[in-house]
PDB file of N, CA and C in Angstrom:
ATOM      1  N   MET A   1     -36.147 -62.421 132.677  1.00  0.00           N
ATOM      2  CA  MET A   1     -36.766 -63.258 131.608  1.00  0.00           C
ATOM      3  C   MET A   1     -37.729 -62.391 130.757  1.00  0.00           C
ATOM      4  N   ALA A   2     -37.765 -62.631 129.500  1.00  0.00           N
ATOM      5  CA  ALA A   2     -38.473 -61.805 128.513  1.00  0.00           C
ATOM      6  C   ALA A   2     -40.007 -62.090 128.666  1.00  0.00           C
ATOM      7  N   THR A   3     -40.768 -61.052 128.378  1.00  0.00           N
ATOM      8  CA  THR A   3     -42.278 -61.247 128.335  1.00  0.00           C
ATOM      9  C   THR A   3     -42.787 -60.752 127.064  1.00  0.00           C
ATOM     10  N   GLN A   4     -43.704 -61.506 126.463  1.00  0.00           N
ATOM     11  CA  GLN A   4     -44.406 -61.131 125.235  1.00  0.00           C
ATOM     12  C   GLN A   4     -45.840 -61.455 125.327  1.00  0.00           C
ATOM     13  N   VAL A   5     -46.652 -60.724 124.577  1.00  0.00           N
ATOM     14  CA  VAL A   5     -48.040 -60.985 124.559  1.00  0.00           C
ATOM     15  C   VAL A   5     -48.369 -61.682 123.191  1.00  0.00           C
ATOM     16  N   VAL A   6     -49.092 -62.785 123.275  1.00  0.00           N
ATOM     17  CA  VAL A   6     -49.479 -63.467 121.989  1.00  0.00           C
ATOM     18  C   VAL A   6     -50.921 -63.801 122.075  1.00  0.00           C
ATOM     19  N   LYS A   7     -51.562 -64.082 120.930  1.00  0.00           N
ATOM     20  CA  LYS A   7     -52.978 -64.393 120.873  1.00  0.00           C
ATOM     21  C   LYS A   7     -53.203 -65.938 120.735  1.00  0.00           C
ATOM     22  N   ILE A   8     -54.259 -66.340 121.265  1.00  0.00           N
ATOM     23  CA  ILE A   8     -54.685 -67.726 121.079  1.00  0.00           C
ATOM     24  C   ILE A   8     -55.623 -67.725 119.892  1.00  0.00           C
ATOM     25  N   ASP A   9     -55.295 -68.612 118.860  1.00  0.00           N
ATOM     26  CA  ASP A   9     -56.108 -68.578 117.644  1.00  0.00           C
ATOM     27  C   ASP A   9     -57.472 -69.324 117.892  1.00  0.00           C
ATOM     28  N   LYS A  10     -58.246 -69.366 116.823  1.00  0.00           N
ATOM     29  CA  LYS A  10     -59.573 -70.014 116.919  1.00  0.00           C
ATOM     30  C   LYS A  10     -59.584 -71.405 117.211  1.00  0.00           C
ATOM     31  N   SER A  11     -58.424 -72.115 116.971  1.00  0.00           N
ATOM     32  CA  SER A  11     -58.302 -73.515 117.290  1.00  0.00           C
ATOM     33  C   SER A  11     -57.699 -73.701 118.670  1.00  0.00           C
ATOM     34  N   GLY A  12     -57.451 -72.659 119.416  1.00  0.00           N
ATOM     35  CA  GLY A  12     -56.912 -72.800 120.739  1.00  0.00           C
ATOM     36  C   GLY A  12     -55.351 -72.879 120.823  1.00  0.00           C
ATOM     37  N   ARG A  13     -54.722 -72.596 119.701  1.00  0.00           N
ATOM     38  CA  ARG A  13     -53.293 -72.726 119.663  1.00  0.00           C
ATOM     39  C   ARG A  13     -52.637 -71.387 119.976  1.00  0.00           C
ATOM     40  N   ILE A  14     -51.440 -71.548 120.547  1.00  0.00           N
ATOM     41  CA  ILE A  14     -50.621 -70.374 120.930  1.00  0.00           C
ATOM     42  C   ILE A  14     -49.285 -70.528 120.090  1.00  0.00           C
ATOM     43  N   LYS A  15     -48.951 -69.472 119.392  1.00  0.00           N
ATOM     44  CA  LYS A  15     -47.698 -69.517 118.683  1.00  0.00           C
ATOM     45  C   LYS A  15     -46.607 -68.924 119.570  1.00  0.00           C
ATOM     46  N   LEU A  16     -45.674 -69.762 119.930  1.00  0.00           N
ATOM     47  CA  LEU A  16     -44.510 -69.243 120.723  1.00  0.00           C
ATOM     48  C   LEU A  16     -43.594 -68.406 119.838  1.00  0.00           C
ATOM     49  N   PRO A  17     -43.240 -67.284 120.315  1.00  0.00           N
ATOM     50  CA  PRO A  17     -42.271 -66.448 119.538  1.00  0.00           C
ATOM     51  C   PRO A  17     -41.002 -67.156 119.278  1.00  0.00           C
ATOM     52  N   LYS A  18     -40.372 -66.917 118.100  1.00  0.00           N
ATOM     53  CA  LYS A  18     -39.151 -67.615 117.675  1.00  0.00           C
ATOM     54  C   LYS A  18     -38.017 -67.444 118.701  1.00  0.00           C
ATOM     55  N   ASN A  19     -37.827 -66.274 119.275  1.00  0.00           N
ATOM     56  CA  ASN A  19     -36.719 -66.141 120.221  1.00  0.00           C
ATOM     57  C   ASN A  19     -36.955 -66.969 121.462  1.00  0.00           C
ATOM     58  N   MET A  20     -38.205 -67.210 121.885  1.00  0.00           N
ATOM     59  CA  MET A  20     -38.411 -68.045 123.033  1.00  0.00           C
ATOM     60  C   MET A  20     -38.253 -69.572 122.662  1.00  0.00           C
ATOM     61  N   ARG A  21     -38.740 -69.976 121.424  1.00  0.00           N
ATOM     62  CA  ARG A  21     -38.559 -71.329 121.051  1.00  0.00           C
ATOM     63  C   ARG A  21     -37.017 -71.665 121.014  1.00  0.00           C
ATOM     64  N   GLU A  22     -36.247 -70.773 120.375  1.00  0.00           N
ATOM     65  CA  GLU A  22     -34.834 -70.966 120.233  1.00  0.00           C
ATOM     66  C   GLU A  22     -34.107 -71.045 121.629  1.00  0.00           C
ATOM     67  N   ALA A  23     -34.553 -70.154 122.491  1.00  0.00           N
ATOM     68  CA  ALA A  23     -33.922 -70.100 123.823  1.00  0.00           C
ATOM     69  C   ALA A  23     -34.015 -71.415 124.611  1.00  0.00           C
ATOM     70  N   PHE A  24     -35.154 -72.121 124.383  1.00  0.00           N
ATOM     71  CA  PHE A  24     -35.377 -73.376 125.105  1.00  0.00           C
ATOM     72  C   PHE A  24     -35.254 -74.584 124.218  1.00  0.00           C
ATOM     73  N   GLY A  25     -34.810 -74.436 122.998  1.00  0.00           N
ATOM     74  CA  GLY A  25     -34.609 -75.604 122.148  1.00  0.00           C
ATOM     75  C   GLY A  25     -35.880 -76.240 121.567  1.00  0.00           C
ATOM     76  N   PHE A  26     -36.964 -75.489 121.531  1.00  0.00           N
ATOM     77  CA  PHE A  26     -38.227 -76.016 121.019  1.00  0.00           C
ATOM     78  C   PHE A  26     -38.123 -76.099 119.472  1.00  0.00           C
ATOM     79  N   LEU A  27     -37.786 -77.304 118.985  1.00  0.00           N
ATOM     80  CA  LEU A  27     -37.747 -77.530 117.481  1.00  0.00           C
ATOM     81  C   LEU A  27     -39.126 -77.979 117.068  1.00  0.00           C
ATOM     82  N   PRO A  28     -39.444 -77.990 115.784  1.00  0.00           N
ATOM     83  CA  PRO A  28     -40.705 -78.451 115.291  1.00  0.00           C
ATOM     84  C   PRO A  28     -40.877 -79.941 115.783  1.00  0.00           C
ATOM     85  N   GLU A  29     -42.041 -80.207 116.161  1.00  0.00           N
ATOM     86  CA  GLU A  29     -42.473 -81.610 116.633  1.00  0.00           C
ATOM     87  C   GLU A  29     -41.866 -81.924 118.055  1.00  0.00           C
ATOM     88  N   THR A  30     -41.329 -80.929 118.747  1.00  0.00           N
ATOM     89  CA  THR A  30     -40.829 -81.147 120.130  1.00  0.00           C
ATOM     90  C   THR A  30     -41.998 -81.365 121.039  1.00  0.00           C
ATOM     91  N   ASP A  31     -41.903 -82.391 121.887  1.00  0.00           N
ATOM     92  CA  ASP A  31     -42.901 -82.608 122.915  1.00  0.00           C
ATOM     93  C   ASP A  31     -42.652 -81.637 124.097  1.00  0.00           C
ATOM     94  N   VAL A  32     -43.716 -81.093 124.614  1.00  0.00           N
ATOM     95  CA  VAL A  32     -43.600 -80.162 125.721  1.00  0.00           C
ATOM     96  C   VAL A  32     -44.537 -80.627 126.839  1.00  0.00           C
ATOM     97  N   VAL A  33     -44.175 -80.219 128.098  1.00  0.00           N
ATOM     98  CA  VAL A  33     -45.037 -80.502 129.238  1.00  0.00           C
ATOM     99  C   VAL A  33     -45.659 -79.227 129.615  1.00  0.00           C
ATOM    100  N   ILE A  34     -47.009 -79.191 129.819  1.00  0.00           N
ATOM    101  CA  ILE A  34     -47.684 -78.041 130.229  1.00  0.00           C
ATOM    102  C   ILE A  34     -48.254 -78.273 131.635  1.00  0.00           C
ATOM    103  N   GLU A  35     -47.828 -77.487 132.592  1.00  0.00           N
ATOM    104  CA  GLU A  35     -48.254 -77.647 133.970  1.00  0.00           C
ATOM    105  C   GLU A  35     -49.268 -76.480 134.322  1.00  0.00           C
ATOM    106  N   LEU A  36     -50.414 -76.915 134.888  1.00  0.00           N
ATOM    107  CA  LEU A  36     -51.381 -75.948 135.393  1.00  0.00           C
ATOM    108  C   LEU A  36     -50.874 -75.599 136.830  1.00  0.00           C
ATOM    109  N   ARG A  37     -50.673 -74.298 137.054  1.00  0.00           N
ATOM    110  CA  ARG A  37     -50.263 -73.778 138.342  1.00  0.00           C
ATOM    111  C   ARG A  37     -51.269 -72.796 138.828  1.00  0.00           C
ATOM    112  N   GLU A  38     -51.213 -72.520 140.170  1.00  0.00           N
ATOM    113  CA  GLU A  38     -52.132 -71.616 140.788  1.00  0.00           C
ATOM    114  C   GLU A  38     -52.147 -70.237 140.153  1.00  0.00           C
ATOM    115  N   ASN A  39     -51.003 -69.767 139.609  1.00  0.00           N
ATOM    116  CA  ASN A  39     -50.953 -68.436 139.051  1.00  0.00           C
ATOM    117  C   ASN A  39     -50.876 -68.482 137.515  1.00  0.00           C
ATOM    118  N   GLY A  40     -51.092 -69.614 136.883  1.00  0.00           N
ATOM    119  CA  GLY A  40     -51.035 -69.655 135.414  1.00  0.00           C
ATOM    120  C   GLY A  40     -50.588 -71.018 134.908  1.00  0.00           C
ATOM    121  N   ILE A  41     -50.032 -71.038 133.726  1.00  0.00           N
ATOM    122  CA  ILE A  41     -49.485 -72.298 133.202  1.00  0.00           C
ATOM    123  C   ILE A  41     -48.009 -72.183 132.990  1.00  0.00           C
ATOM    124  N   PHE A  42     -47.306 -73.299 132.925  1.00  0.00           N
ATOM    125  CA  PHE A  42     -45.870 -73.352 132.812  1.00  0.00           C
ATOM    126  C   PHE A  42     -45.596 -74.345 131.654  1.00  0.00           C
ATOM    127  N   ILE A  43     -44.831 -73.966 130.664  1.00  0.00           N
ATOM    128  CA  ILE A  43     -44.535 -74.852 129.504  1.00  0.00           C
ATOM    129  C   ILE A  43     -43.027 -75.053 129.541  1.00  0.00           C
ATOM    130  N   LYS A  44     -42.667 -76.361 129.461  1.00  0.00           N
ATOM    131  CA  LYS A  44     -41.205 -76.713 129.453  1.00  0.00           C
ATOM    132  C   LYS A  44     -41.011 -77.879 128.454  1.00  0.00           C
ATOM    133  N   PRO A  45     -39.762 -78.013 127.953  1.00  0.00           N
ATOM    134  CA  PRO A  45     -39.522 -79.116 127.098  1.00  0.00           C
ATOM    135  C   PRO A  45     -39.638 -80.452 127.870  1.00  0.00           C
ATOM    136  N   LYS A  46     -40.169 -81.494 127.193  1.00  0.00           N
ATOM    137  CA  LYS A  46     -40.137 -82.813 127.823  1.00  0.00           C
ATOM    138  C   LYS A  46     -38.794 -83.420 127.553  1.00  0.00           C
ATOM    139  N   LEU A  47     -38.116 -83.762 128.718  1.00  0.00           N
ATOM    140  CA  LEU A  47     -36.836 -84.337 128.595  1.00  0.00           C
ATOM    141  C   LEU A  47     -36.864 -85.832 128.386  1.00  0.00           C
ATOM    142  N   GLU A  48     -36.021 -86.236 127.438  1.00  0.00           N
ATOM    143  CA  GLU A  48     -35.955 -87.625 127.109  1.00  0.00           C
ATOM    144  C   GLU A  48     -35.234 -88.370 128.210  1.00  0.00           C
ATOM    145  N   MET A  49     -35.824 -89.447 128.743  1.00  0.00           N
ATOM    146  CA  MET A  49     -35.125 -90.181 129.824  1.00  0.00           C
ATOM    147  C   MET A  49     -34.358 -91.297 129.200  1.00  0.00           C
ATOM    148  N   THR A  50     -33.093 -91.438 129.607  1.00  0.00           N
ATOM    149  CA  THR A  50     -32.310 -92.582 129.159  1.00  0.00           C
ATOM    150  C   THR A  50     -32.650 -93.727 130.033  1.00  0.00           C
ATOM    151  N   PRO A  51     -32.959 -94.882 129.431  1.00  0.00           N
ATOM    152  CA  PRO A  51     -33.255 -96.042 130.263  1.00  0.00           C
ATOM    153  C   PRO A  51     -32.185 -96.290 131.347  1.00  0.00           C
ATOM    154  N   ILE A  52     -32.655 -96.695 132.529  1.00  0.00           N
ATOM    155  CA  ILE A  52     -31.756 -96.770 133.578  1.00  0.00           C
ATOM    156  C   ILE A  52     -30.574 -97.817 133.322  1.00  0.00           C
ATOM    157  N   THR A  53     -30.926 -98.859 132.580  1.00  0.00           N
ATOM    158  CA  THR A  53     -29.860 -99.791 132.220  1.00  0.00           C
ATOM    159  C   THR A  53     -28.745 -99.171 131.393  1.00  0.00           C
ATOM    160  N   LYS A  54     -29.047 -98.246 130.475  1.00  0.00           N
ATOM    161  CA  LYS A  54     -28.051 -97.597 129.727  1.00  0.00           C
ATOM    162  C   LYS A  54     -27.258 -96.623 130.572  1.00  0.00           C
ATOM    163  N   ARG A  55     -27.943 -95.922 131.534  1.00  0.00           N
ATOM    164  CA  ARG A  55     -27.209 -95.090 132.410  1.00  0.00           C
ATOM    165  C   ARG A  55     -26.252 -95.921 133.317  1.00  0.00           C
ATOM    166  N   ILE A  56     -26.720 -97.029 133.814  1.00  0.00           N
ATOM    167  CA  ILE A  56     -25.835 -97.874 134.672  1.00  0.00           C
ATOM    168  C   ILE A  56     -24.694 -98.391 133.855  1.00  0.00           C
ATOM    169  N   ALA A  57     -24.975 -98.847 132.614  1.00  0.00           N
ATOM    170  CA  ALA A  57     -23.913 -99.333 131.699  1.00  0.00           C
ATOM    171  C   ALA A  57     -22.805 -98.348 131.526  1.00  0.00           C
ATOM    172  N   GLY A  58     -23.250 -97.076 131.400  1.00  0.00           N
ATOM    173  CA  GLY A  58     -22.309 -95.937 131.129  1.00  0.00           C
ATOM    174  C   GLY A  58     -21.410 -95.710 132.299  1.00  0.00           C
ATOM    175  N   MET A  59     -21.743 -96.231 133.442  1.00  0.00           N
ATOM    176  CA  MET A  59     -20.872 -95.998 134.657  1.00  0.00           C
ATOM    177  C   MET A  59     -19.683 -96.948 134.665  1.00  0.00           C
ATOM    178  N   GLU A  60     -19.649 -97.920 133.773  1.00  0.00           N
ATOM    179  CA  GLU A  60     -18.484 -98.896 133.750  1.00  0.00           C
ATOM    180  C   GLU A  60     -18.230 -99.530 135.038  1.00  0.00           C
ATOM    181  N   LEU A  61     -19.312-100.021 135.631  1.00  0.00           N
ATOM    182  CA  LEU A  61     -19.163-100.710 136.868  1.00  0.00           C
ATOM    183  C   LEU A  61     -18.737-102.154 136.627  1.00  0.00           C
ATOM    184  N   PRO A  62     -18.033-102.816 137.577  1.00  0.00           N
ATOM    185  CA  PRO A  62     -17.633-104.203 137.362  1.00  0.00           C
ATOM    186  C   PRO A  62     -18.804-105.193 137.610  1.00  0.00           C
ATOM    187  N   VAL A  63     -19.629-105.287 136.597  1.00  0.00           N
ATOM    188  CA  VAL A  63     -20.790-106.269 136.753  1.00  0.00           C
ATOM    189  C   VAL A  63     -20.462-107.407 135.807  1.00  0.00           C
ATOM    190  N   SER A  64     -20.711-108.647 136.334  1.00  0.00           N
ATOM    191  CA  SER A  64     -20.388-109.827 135.573  1.00  0.00           C
ATOM    192  C   SER A  64     -21.538-110.243 134.659  1.00  0.00           C
ATOM    193  N   ASP A  65     -22.729-109.856 134.949  1.00  0.00           N
ATOM    194  CA  ASP A  65     -23.858-110.328 134.077  1.00  0.00           C
ATOM    195  C   ASP A  65     -24.887-109.168 133.870  1.00  0.00           C
ATOM    196  N   TRP A  66     -24.628-108.379 132.832  1.00  0.00           N
ATOM    197  CA  TRP A  66     -25.544-107.278 132.528  1.00  0.00           C
ATOM    198  C   TRP A  66     -26.961-107.628 132.246  1.00  0.00           C
ATOM    199  N   SER A  67     -27.165-108.804 131.612  1.00  0.00           N
ATOM    200  CA  SER A  67     -28.516-109.198 131.263  1.00  0.00           C
ATOM    201  C   SER A  67     -29.293-109.530 132.553  1.00  0.00           C
ATOM    202  N   GLN A  68     -28.655-110.202 133.492  1.00  0.00           N
ATOM    203  CA  GLN A  68     -29.300-110.458 134.805  1.00  0.00           C
ATOM    204  C   GLN A  68     -29.625-109.143 135.521  1.00  0.00           C
ATOM    205  N   MET A  69     -28.702-108.206 135.522  1.00  0.00           N
ATOM    206  CA  MET A  69     -28.880-106.966 136.199  1.00  0.00           C
ATOM    207  C   MET A  69     -30.101-106.243 135.549  1.00  0.00           C
ATOM    208  N   GLU A  70     -30.158-106.213 134.180  1.00  0.00           N
ATOM    209  CA  GLU A  70     -31.242-105.553 133.479  1.00  0.00           C
ATOM    210  C   GLU A  70     -32.648-106.242 133.860  1.00  0.00           C
ATOM    211  N   GLU A  71     -32.627-107.510 133.897  1.00  0.00           N
ATOM    212  CA  GLU A  71     -33.834-108.245 134.194  1.00  0.00           C
ATOM    213  C   GLU A  71     -34.345-107.944 135.641  1.00  0.00           C
ATOM    214  N   GLU A  72     -33.353-107.841 136.573  1.00  0.00           N
ATOM    215  CA  GLU A  72     -33.726-107.500 137.936  1.00  0.00           C
ATOM    216  C   GLU A  72     -34.235-106.112 138.056  1.00  0.00           C
ATOM    217  N   ILE A  73     -33.590-105.174 137.364  1.00  0.00           N
ATOM    218  CA  ILE A  73     -34.055-103.793 137.387  1.00  0.00           C
ATOM    219  C   ILE A  73     -35.464-103.702 136.856  1.00  0.00           C
ATOM    220  N   GLU A  74     -35.741-104.331 135.730  1.00  0.00           N
ATOM    221  CA  GLU A  74     -37.083-104.298 135.108  1.00  0.00           C
ATOM    222  C   GLU A  74     -38.108-104.884 136.044  1.00  0.00           C
ATOM    223  N   LYS A  75     -37.750-105.891 136.804  1.00  0.00           N
ATOM    224  CA  LYS A  75     -38.675-106.538 137.772  1.00  0.00           C
ATOM    225  C   LYS A  75     -38.879-105.676 139.027  1.00  0.00           C
ATOM    226  N   GLY A  76     -37.982-104.722 139.179  1.00  0.00           N
ATOM    227  CA  GLY A  76     -38.050-103.790 140.297  1.00  0.00           C
ATOM    228  C   GLY A  76     -37.260-104.186 141.596  1.00  0.00           C
ATOM    229  N   TYR A  77     -36.378-105.048 141.452  1.00  0.00           N
ATOM    230  CA  TYR A  77     -35.539-105.457 142.582  1.00  0.00           C
ATOM    231  C   TYR A  77     -34.145-105.757 142.185  1.00  0.00           C
ATOM    232  N   LEU A  78     -33.244-105.777 143.143  1.00  0.00           N
ATOM    233  CA  LEU A  78     -31.855-106.168 142.930  1.00  0.00           C
ATOM    234  C   LEU A  78     -31.523-107.154 143.995  1.00  0.00           C
ATOM    235  N   LYS A  79     -30.577-108.067 143.618  1.00  0.00           N
ATOM    236  CA  LYS A  79     -30.127-109.064 144.596  1.00  0.00           C
ATOM    237  C   LYS A  79     -29.170-108.430 145.553  1.00  0.00           C
TER     238      LYS A  79
END
């Protein structure tokens, strides 16, 4: 993995080098997750989560009542 030294500006911002932004798909306005770790910080892209109902619907399961299933999932239980 590549290593580069960058400066923190007066506002506390760090400019990620272009090659690193491109390698991880950091586009302008991308949300990132910053984790504080024992040996430093870790920055990673925030992954968008597909709602569980859409993931289940994509499985093409033989369900007779999708609205009932969605309601039960949102309530946190299944029959």
